[in-house]
PDB file of all heavy atoms in Angstrom:
ATOM      1  N   ARG A   1      26.053  11.514  -1.635  1.00  0.00           N
ATOM      2  CA  ARG A   1      27.476  11.620  -1.993  1.00  0.00           C
ATOM      3  C   ARG A   1      28.267  10.355  -1.685  1.00  0.00           C
ATOM      4  O   ARG A   1      29.356  10.171  -2.205  1.00  0.00           O
ATOM      5  CB  ARG A   1      28.105  12.781  -1.252  1.00  0.00           C
ATOM      6  CG  ARG A   1      27.524  14.096  -1.658  1.00  0.00           C
ATOM      7  CD  ARG A   1      28.145  15.220  -0.922  1.00  0.00           C
ATOM      8  NE  ARG A   1      27.497  16.464  -1.316  1.00  0.00           N
ATOM      9  CZ  ARG A   1      27.958  17.644  -1.049  1.00  0.00           C
ATOM     10  NH1 ARG A   1      29.070  17.779  -0.374  1.00  0.00           N
ATOM     11  NH2 ARG A   1      27.306  18.713  -1.435  1.00  0.00           N
ATOM     12  N   ASP A   2      27.740   9.515  -0.825  1.00  0.00           N
ATOM     13  CA  ASP A   2      28.466   8.340  -0.347  1.00  0.00           C
ATOM     14  C   ASP A   2      27.661   7.073  -0.674  1.00  0.00           C
ATOM     15  O   ASP A   2      26.744   6.707   0.052  1.00  0.00           O
ATOM     16  CB  ASP A   2      28.677   8.473   1.166  1.00  0.00           C
ATOM     17  CG  ASP A   2      29.516   7.374   1.773  1.00  0.00           C
ATOM     18  OD1 ASP A   2      29.699   6.319   1.133  1.00  0.00           O
ATOM     19  OD2 ASP A   2      29.980   7.574   2.910  1.00  0.00           O
ATOM     20  N   SER A   3      28.018   6.431  -1.787  1.00  0.00           N
ATOM     21  CA  SER A   3      27.259   5.255  -2.226  1.00  0.00           C
ATOM     22  C   SER A   3      27.388   4.084  -1.247  1.00  0.00           C
ATOM     23  O   SER A   3      26.450   3.303  -1.088  1.00  0.00           O
ATOM     24  CB  SER A   3      27.683   4.827  -3.631  1.00  0.00           C
ATOM     25  OG  SER A   3      29.055   4.493  -3.661  1.00  0.00           O
ATOM     26  N   ALA A   4      28.517   3.962  -0.577  1.00  0.00           N
ATOM     27  CA  ALA A   4      28.679   2.887   0.414  1.00  0.00           C
ATOM     28  C   ALA A   4      27.730   3.111   1.595  1.00  0.00           C
ATOM     29  O   ALA A   4      27.126   2.164   2.105  1.00  0.00           O
ATOM     30  CB  ALA A   4      30.123   2.814   0.892  1.00  0.00           C
ATOM     31  N   ALA A   5      27.582   4.361   2.012  1.00  0.00           N
ATOM     32  CA  ALA A   5      26.654   4.682   3.102  1.00  0.00           C
ATOM     33  C   ALA A   5      25.219   4.410   2.670  1.00  0.00           C
ATOM     34  O   ALA A   5      24.411   3.880   3.444  1.00  0.00           O
ATOM     35  CB  ALA A   5      26.816   6.129   3.532  1.00  0.00           C
ATOM     36  N   ARG A   6      24.882   4.770   1.439  1.00  0.00           N
ATOM     37  CA  ARG A   6      23.536   4.502   0.923  1.00  0.00           C
ATOM     38  C   ARG A   6      23.243   3.006   0.944  1.00  0.00           C
ATOM     39  O   ARG A   6      22.168   2.572   1.342  1.00  0.00           O
ATOM     40  CB  ARG A   6      23.396   5.071  -0.491  1.00  0.00           C
ATOM     41  CG  ARG A   6      21.999   4.916  -1.058  1.00  0.00           C
ATOM     42  CD  ARG A   6      21.813   5.639  -2.391  1.00  0.00           C
ATOM     43  NE  ARG A   6      22.836   5.302  -3.371  1.00  0.00           N
ATOM     44  CZ  ARG A   6      23.761   6.159  -3.822  1.00  0.00           C
ATOM     45  NH1 ARG A   6      23.794   7.396  -3.374  1.00  0.00           N
ATOM     46  NH2 ARG A   6      24.634   5.768  -4.714  1.00  0.00           N
ATOM     47  N   GLU A   7      24.221   2.208   0.564  1.00  0.00           N
ATOM     48  CA  GLU A   7      24.038   0.756   0.569  1.00  0.00           C
ATOM     49  C   GLU A   7      23.891   0.225   1.995  1.00  0.00           C
ATOM     50  O   GLU A   7      23.059  -0.649   2.256  1.00  0.00           O
ATOM     51  CB  GLU A   7      25.211   0.079  -0.145  1.00  0.00           C
ATOM     52  CG  GLU A   7      25.037  -1.399  -0.325  1.00  0.00           C
ATOM     53  CD  GLU A   7      23.805  -1.776  -1.140  1.00  0.00           C
ATOM     54  OE1 GLU A   7      23.350  -0.997  -1.995  1.00  0.00           O
ATOM     55  OE2 GLU A   7      23.272  -2.881  -0.912  1.00  0.00           O
ATOM     56  N   ARG A   8      24.658   0.735   2.949  1.00  0.00           N
ATOM     57  CA  ARG A   8      24.514   0.321   4.352  1.00  0.00           C
ATOM     58  C   ARG A   8      23.124   0.673   4.879  1.00  0.00           C
ATOM     59  O   ARG A   8      22.494  -0.112   5.578  1.00  0.00           O
ATOM     60  CB  ARG A   8      25.571   0.986   5.235  1.00  0.00           C
ATOM     61  CG  ARG A   8      26.947   0.404   5.119  1.00  0.00           C
ATOM     62  CD  ARG A   8      27.880   0.850   6.231  1.00  0.00           C
ATOM     63  NE  ARG A   8      27.931   2.286   6.436  1.00  0.00           N
ATOM     64  CZ  ARG A   8      28.707   3.132   5.761  1.00  0.00           C
ATOM     65  NH1 ARG A   8      29.500   2.674   4.797  1.00  0.00           N
ATOM     66  NH2 ARG A   8      28.696   4.421   6.046  1.00  0.00           N
ATOM     67  N   MET A   9      22.646   1.850   4.512  1.00  0.00           N
ATOM     68  CA  MET A   9      21.312   2.279   4.938  1.00  0.00           C
ATOM     69  C   MET A   9      20.245   1.333   4.388  1.00  0.00           C
ATOM     70  O   MET A   9      19.347   0.909   5.107  1.00  0.00           O
ATOM     71  CB  MET A   9      21.055   3.707   4.451  1.00  0.00           C
ATOM     72  CG  MET A   9      19.729   4.273   4.893  1.00  0.00           C
ATOM     73  SD  MET A   9      19.411   5.919   4.211  1.00  0.00           S
ATOM     74  CE  MET A   9      18.699   5.463   2.621  1.00  0.00           C
ATOM     75  N   ARG A  10      20.366   0.985   3.132  1.00  0.00           N
ATOM     76  CA  ARG A  10      19.392   0.074   2.516  1.00  0.00           C
ATOM     77  C   ARG A  10      19.464  -1.323   3.129  1.00  0.00           C
ATOM     78  O   ARG A  10      18.436  -1.956   3.369  1.00  0.00           O
ATOM     79  CB  ARG A  10      19.612   0.008   1.020  1.00  0.00           C
ATOM     80  CG  ARG A  10      19.145   1.267   0.339  1.00  0.00           C
ATOM     81  CD  ARG A  10      19.158   1.119  -1.149  1.00  0.00           C
ATOM     82  NE  ARG A  10      18.673   2.349  -1.748  1.00  0.00           N
ATOM     83  CZ  ARG A  10      19.062   2.802  -2.912  1.00  0.00           C
ATOM     84  NH1 ARG A  10      19.938   2.129  -3.618  1.00  0.00           N
ATOM     85  NH2 ARG A  10      18.573   3.919  -3.390  1.00  0.00           N
ATOM     86  N   LYS A  11      20.670  -1.812   3.389  1.00  0.00           N
ATOM     87  CA  LYS A  11      20.826  -3.135   4.001  1.00  0.00           C
ATOM     88  C   LYS A  11      20.236  -3.174   5.403  1.00  0.00           C
ATOM     89  O   LYS A  11      19.794  -4.216   5.862  1.00  0.00           O
ATOM     90  CB  LYS A  11      22.290  -3.552   4.029  1.00  0.00           C
ATOM     91  CG  LYS A  11      22.791  -4.013   2.696  1.00  0.00           C
ATOM     92  CD  LYS A  11      24.205  -4.521   2.776  1.00  0.00           C
ATOM     93  CE  LYS A  11      24.637  -5.018   1.406  1.00  0.00           C
ATOM     94  NZ  LYS A  11      26.006  -5.524   1.420  1.00  0.00           N
ATOM     95  N   ALA A  12      20.226  -2.024   6.075  1.00  0.00           N
ATOM     96  CA  ALA A  12      19.620  -1.953   7.409  1.00  0.00           C
ATOM     97  C   ALA A  12      18.100  -2.013   7.311  1.00  0.00           C
ATOM     98  O   ALA A  12      17.420  -2.187   8.325  1.00  0.00           O
ATOM     99  CB  ALA A  12      20.065  -0.679   8.122  1.00  0.00           C
ATOM    100  N   GLY A  13      17.569  -1.871   6.085  1.00  0.00           N
ATOM    101  CA  GLY A  13      16.129  -1.977   5.888  1.00  0.00           C
ATOM    102  C   GLY A  13      15.406  -0.646   5.866  1.00  0.00           C
ATOM    103  O   GLY A  13      14.196  -0.598   6.082  1.00  0.00           O
ATOM    104  N   ALA A  14      16.115   0.432   5.573  1.00  0.00           N
ATOM    105  CA  ALA A  14      15.519   1.762   5.661  1.00  0.00           C
ATOM    106  C   ALA A  14      14.783   2.205   4.399  1.00  0.00           C
ATOM    107  O   ALA A  14      13.994   3.113   4.454  1.00  0.00           O
ATOM    108  CB  ALA A  14      16.590   2.785   6.016  1.00  0.00           C
ATOM    109  N   GLY A  15      15.049   1.619   3.268  1.00  0.00           N
ATOM    110  CA  GLY A  15      14.373   2.035   2.051  1.00  0.00           C
ATOM    111  C   GLY A  15      14.989   3.261   1.414  1.00  0.00           C
ATOM    112  O   GLY A  15      16.197   3.449   1.456  1.00  0.00           O
ATOM    113  N   ARG A  16      14.138   4.158   0.877  1.00  0.00           N
ATOM    114  CA  ARG A  16      14.616   5.308   0.103  1.00  0.00           C
ATOM    115  C   ARG A  16      14.212   6.639   0.714  1.00  0.00           C
ATOM    116  O   ARG A  16      14.137   7.643   0.013  1.00  0.00           O
ATOM    117  CB  ARG A  16      14.072   5.210  -1.319  1.00  0.00           C
ATOM    118  CG  ARG A  16      14.590   3.997  -2.067  1.00  0.00           C
ATOM    119  CD  ARG A  16      14.061   3.926  -3.473  1.00  0.00           C
ATOM    120  NE  ARG A  16      14.200   5.214  -4.139  1.00  0.00           N
ATOM    121  CZ  ARG A  16      13.323   5.686  -4.996  1.00  0.00           C
ATOM    122  NH1 ARG A  16      12.252   5.020  -5.302  1.00  0.00           N
ATOM    123  NH2 ARG A  16      13.521   6.861  -5.575  1.00  0.00           N
ATOM    124  N   THR A  17      13.932   6.678   1.987  1.00  0.00           N
ATOM    125  CA  THR A  17      13.546   7.917   2.651  1.00  0.00           C
ATOM    126  C   THR A  17      14.583   8.285   3.696  1.00  0.00           C
ATOM    127  O   THR A  17      15.056   7.426   4.438  1.00  0.00           O
ATOM    128  CB  THR A  17      12.165   7.760   3.331  1.00  0.00           C
ATOM    129  OG1 THR A  17      11.193   7.427   2.334  1.00  0.00           O
ATOM    130  CG2 THR A  17      11.742   9.033   4.028  1.00  0.00           C
ATOM    131  N   VAL A  18      14.944   9.561   3.739  1.00  0.00           N
ATOM    132  CA  VAL A  18      15.853  10.074   4.770  1.00  0.00           C
ATOM    133  C   VAL A  18      15.134  11.172   5.524  1.00  0.00           C
ATOM    134  O   VAL A  18      14.182  11.755   5.004  1.00  0.00           O
ATOM    135  CB  VAL A  18      17.169  10.616   4.157  1.00  0.00           C
ATOM    136  CG1 VAL A  18      17.970   9.503   3.538  1.00  0.00           C
ATOM    137  CG2 VAL A  18      16.928  11.738   3.146  1.00  0.00           C
ATOM    138  N   PRO A  19      15.545  11.465   6.712  1.00  0.00           N
ATOM    139  CA  PRO A  19      16.683  10.917   7.442  1.00  0.00           C
ATOM    140  C   PRO A  19      16.371   9.542   8.023  1.00  0.00           C
ATOM    141  O   PRO A  19      15.216   9.176   8.234  1.00  0.00           O
ATOM    142  CB  PRO A  19      16.905  11.935   8.561  1.00  0.00           C
ATOM    143  CG  PRO A  19      15.545  12.491   8.826  1.00  0.00           C
ATOM    144  CD  PRO A  19      14.869  12.532   7.485  1.00  0.00           C
ATOM    145  N   VAL A  20      17.448   8.817   8.298  1.00  0.00           N
ATOM    146  CA  VAL A  20      17.355   7.506   8.932  1.00  0.00           C
ATOM    147  C   VAL A  20      18.310   7.498  10.119  1.00  0.00           C
ATOM    148  O   VAL A  20      19.469   7.885   9.993  1.00  0.00           O
ATOM    149  CB  VAL A  20      17.740   6.379   7.951  1.00  0.00           C
ATOM    150  CG1 VAL A  20      17.786   5.035   8.651  1.00  0.00           C
ATOM    151  CG2 VAL A  20      16.767   6.347   6.773  1.00  0.00           C
ATOM    152  N   LEU A  21      17.804   7.054  11.244  1.00  0.00           N
ATOM    153  CA  LEU A  21      18.614   6.925  12.442  1.00  0.00           C
ATOM    154  C   LEU A  21      18.802   5.440  12.720  1.00  0.00           C
ATOM    155  O   LEU A  21      17.819   4.684  12.791  1.00  0.00           O
ATOM    156  CB  LEU A  21      17.923   7.609  13.626  1.00  0.00           C
ATOM    157  CG  LEU A  21      18.773   7.843  14.860  1.00  0.00           C
ATOM    158  CD1 LEU A  21      19.952   8.761  14.556  1.00  0.00           C
ATOM    159  CD2 LEU A  21      17.924   8.428  15.973  1.00  0.00           C
ATOM    160  N   VAL A  22      20.058   5.020  12.848  1.00  0.00           N
ATOM    161  CA  VAL A  22      20.391   3.620  13.112  1.00  0.00           C
ATOM    162  C   VAL A  22      21.167   3.565  14.418  1.00  0.00           C
ATOM    163  O   VAL A  22      22.150   4.290  14.591  1.00  0.00           O
ATOM    164  CB  VAL A  22      21.236   3.027  11.954  1.00  0.00           C
ATOM    165  CG1 VAL A  22      21.639   1.599  12.265  1.00  0.00           C
ATOM    166  CG2 VAL A  22      20.472   3.103  10.642  1.00  0.00           C
ATOM    167  N   GLU A  23      20.696   2.732  15.329  1.00  0.00           N
ATOM    168  CA  GLU A  23      21.365   2.574  16.616  1.00  0.00           C
ATOM    169  C   GLU A  23      21.793   1.123  16.770  1.00  0.00           C
ATOM    170  O   GLU A  23      20.955   0.223  16.723  1.00  0.00           O
ATOM    171  CB  GLU A  23      20.436   2.990  17.750  1.00  0.00           C
ATOM    172  CG  GLU A  23      20.042   4.467  17.646  1.00  0.00           C
ATOM    173  CD  GLU A  23      19.122   4.909  18.758  1.00  0.00           C
ATOM    174  OE1 GLU A  23      19.481   4.689  19.931  1.00  0.00           O
ATOM    175  OE2 GLU A  23      18.054   5.455  18.442  1.00  0.00           O
ATOM    176  N   ASP A  24      23.091   0.923  16.908  1.00  0.00           N
ATOM    177  CA  ASP A  24      23.672  -0.423  17.005  1.00  0.00           C
ATOM    178  C   ASP A  24      23.164  -1.341  15.900  1.00  0.00           C
ATOM    179  O   ASP A  24      22.810  -2.491  16.128  1.00  0.00           O
ATOM    180  CB  ASP A  24      23.402  -1.030  18.379  1.00  0.00           C
ATOM    181  CG  ASP A  24      24.254  -0.392  19.469  1.00  0.00           C
ATOM    182  OD1 ASP A  24      25.337   0.145  19.145  1.00  0.00           O
ATOM    183  OD2 ASP A  24      23.835  -0.425  20.644  1.00  0.00           O
ATOM    184  N   GLY A  25      23.112  -0.814  14.669  1.00  0.00           N
ATOM    185  CA  GLY A  25      22.738  -1.609  13.510  1.00  0.00           C
ATOM    186  C   GLY A  25      21.255  -1.785  13.286  1.00  0.00           C
ATOM    187  O   GLY A  25      20.841  -2.453  12.336  1.00  0.00           O
ATOM    188  N   VAL A  26      20.422  -1.180  14.131  1.00  0.00           N
ATOM    189  CA  VAL A  26      18.971  -1.325  14.019  1.00  0.00           C
ATOM    190  C   VAL A  26      18.356   0.036  13.683  1.00  0.00           C
ATOM    191  O   VAL A  26      18.628   1.027  14.359  1.00  0.00           O
ATOM    192  CB  VAL A  26      18.364  -1.856  15.340  1.00  0.00           C
ATOM    193  CG1 VAL A  26      16.853  -1.933  15.262  1.00  0.00           C
ATOM    194  CG2 VAL A  26      18.961  -3.211  15.687  1.00  0.00           C
ATOM    195  N   VAL A  27      17.514   0.060  12.655  1.00  0.00           N
ATOM    196  CA  VAL A  27      16.833   1.296  12.284  1.00  0.00           C
ATOM    197  C   VAL A  27      15.830   1.634  13.385  1.00  0.00           C
ATOM    198  O   VAL A  27      14.950   0.846  13.696  1.00  0.00           O
ATOM    199  CB  VAL A  27      16.108   1.161  10.926  1.00  0.00           C
ATOM    200  CG1 VAL A  27      15.293   2.403  10.622  1.00  0.00           C
ATOM    201  CG2 VAL A  27      17.105   0.879   9.813  1.00  0.00           C
ATOM    202  N   THR A  28      15.987   2.815  13.977  1.00  0.00           N
ATOM    203  CA  THR A  28      15.085   3.237  15.042  1.00  0.00           C
ATOM    204  C   THR A  28      14.184   4.391  14.628  1.00  0.00           C
ATOM    205  O   THR A  28      13.208   4.690  15.326  1.00  0.00           O
ATOM    206  CB  THR A  28      15.875   3.647  16.305  1.00  0.00           C
ATOM    207  OG1 THR A  28      16.777   4.698  15.966  1.00  0.00           O
ATOM    208  CG2 THR A  28      16.624   2.460  16.885  1.00  0.00           C
ATOM    209  N   ARG A  29      14.512   5.030  13.513  1.00  0.00           N
ATOM    210  CA  ARG A  29      13.681   6.143  13.054  1.00  0.00           C
ATOM    211  C   ARG A  29      13.911   6.339  11.558  1.00  0.00           C
ATOM    212  O   ARG A  29      15.042   6.368  11.097  1.00  0.00           O
ATOM    213  CB  ARG A  29      14.072   7.422  13.797  1.00  0.00           C
ATOM    214  CG  ARG A  29      13.226   8.622  13.460  1.00  0.00           C
ATOM    215  CD  ARG A  29      13.686   9.874  14.206  1.00  0.00           C
ATOM    216  NE  ARG A  29      13.645   9.711  15.640  1.00  0.00           N
ATOM    217  CZ  ARG A  29      12.624  10.064  16.412  1.00  0.00           C
ATOM    218  NH1 ARG A  29      11.548  10.580  15.874  1.00  0.00           N
ATOM    219  NH2 ARG A  29      12.692   9.909  17.722  1.00  0.00           N
ATOM    220  N   VAL A  30      12.804   6.487  10.821  1.00  0.00           N
ATOM    221  CA  VAL A  30      12.858   6.860   9.411  1.00  0.00           C
ATOM    222  C   VAL A  30      12.009   8.116   9.270  1.00  0.00           C
ATOM    223  O   VAL A  30      10.841   8.123   9.647  1.00  0.00           O
ATOM    224  CB  VAL A  30      12.325   5.746   8.488  1.00  0.00           C
ATOM    225  CG1 VAL A  30      12.305   6.213   7.032  1.00  0.00           C
ATOM    226  CG2 VAL A  30      13.152   4.476   8.633  1.00  0.00           C
ATOM    227  N   GLY A  31      12.615   9.169   8.763  1.00  0.00           N
ATOM    228  CA  GLY A  31      11.926  10.445   8.673  1.00  0.00           C
ATOM    229  C   GLY A  31      12.034  11.192   9.993  1.00  0.00           C
ATOM    230  O   GLY A  31      12.656  10.734  10.951  1.00  0.00           O
ATOM    231  N   TRP A  32      11.411  12.365  10.007  1.00  0.00           N
ATOM    232  CA  TRP A  32      11.427  13.180  11.207  1.00  0.00           C
ATOM    233  C   TRP A  32      10.048  13.797  11.361  1.00  0.00           C
ATOM    234  O   TRP A  32       9.574  14.512  10.480  1.00  0.00           O
ATOM    235  CB  TRP A  32      12.500  14.256  11.109  1.00  0.00           C
ATOM    236  CG  TRP A  32      12.500  15.204  12.243  1.00  0.00           C
ATOM    237  CD1 TRP A  32      12.192  16.534  12.210  1.00  0.00           C
ATOM    238  CD2 TRP A  32      12.802  14.899  13.617  1.00  0.00           C
ATOM    239  NE1 TRP A  32      12.289  17.071  13.459  1.00  0.00           N
ATOM    240  CE2 TRP A  32      12.659  16.093  14.350  1.00  0.00           C
ATOM    241  CE3 TRP A  32      13.165  13.745  14.296  1.00  0.00           C
ATOM    242  CZ2 TRP A  32      12.871  16.163  15.728  1.00  0.00           C
ATOM    243  CZ3 TRP A  32      13.380  13.812  15.661  1.00  0.00           C
ATOM    244  CH2 TRP A  32      13.242  15.003  16.365  1.00  0.00           C
ATOM    245  N   GLN A  33       9.401  13.470  12.460  1.00  0.00           N
ATOM    246  CA  GLN A  33       8.067  13.981  12.781  1.00  0.00           C
ATOM    247  C   GLN A  33       7.090  13.761  11.630  1.00  0.00           C
ATOM    248  O   GLN A  33       6.325  14.637  11.246  1.00  0.00           O
ATOM    249  CB  GLN A  33       8.134  15.445  13.193  1.00  0.00           C
ATOM    250  CG  GLN A  33       8.954  15.623  14.463  1.00  0.00           C
ATOM    251  CD  GLN A  33       8.979  17.047  14.959  1.00  0.00           C
ATOM    252  OE1 GLN A  33       8.709  17.992  14.251  1.00  0.00           O
ATOM    253  NE2 GLN A  33       9.341  17.185  16.238  1.00  0.00           N
ATOM    254  N   GLY A  34       7.143  12.552  11.085  1.00  0.00           N
ATOM    255  CA  GLY A  34       6.210  12.156  10.028  1.00  0.00           C
ATOM    256  C   GLY A  34       6.566  12.623   8.634  1.00  0.00           C
ATOM    257  O   GLY A  34       5.788  12.410   7.706  1.00  0.00           O
ATOM    258  N   ARG A  35       7.735  13.212   8.475  1.00  0.00           N
ATOM    259  CA  ARG A  35       8.140  13.709   7.161  1.00  0.00           C
ATOM    260  C   ARG A  35       9.527  13.211   6.808  1.00  0.00           C
ATOM    261  O   ARG A  35      10.336  12.948   7.694  1.00  0.00           O
ATOM    262  CB  ARG A  35       8.120  15.229   7.151  1.00  0.00           C
ATOM    263  CG  ARG A  35       6.739  15.784   7.364  1.00  0.00           C
ATOM    264  CD  ARG A  35       6.736  17.256   7.137  1.00  0.00           C
ATOM    265  NE  ARG A  35       5.358  17.703   7.092  1.00  0.00           N
ATOM    266  CZ  ARG A  35       4.918  18.747   7.770  1.00  0.00           C
ATOM    267  NH1 ARG A  35       5.733  19.443   8.510  1.00  0.00           N
ATOM    268  NH2 ARG A  35       3.662  19.103   7.666  1.00  0.00           N
ATOM    269  N   GLY A  36       9.796  13.143   5.522  1.00  0.00           N
ATOM    270  CA  GLY A  36      11.111  12.736   5.064  1.00  0.00           C
ATOM    271  C   GLY A  36      11.313  13.159   3.624  1.00  0.00           C
ATOM    272  O   GLY A  36      10.398  13.700   2.984  1.00  0.00           O
TER     273      GLY A  36
END
C-alpha cells in the first residue's frame, strides 16, 4: 500500500521478500523462520 516504504525497503537491500526487519538502517532479518 505504501510505495515509498517499498522503495526504502529495496534501497536497504532487502529485495522482494517480506517480512523485512531493519534496525538503524541495516537489514537484520528477511523472512521469518526461513519463510517469507
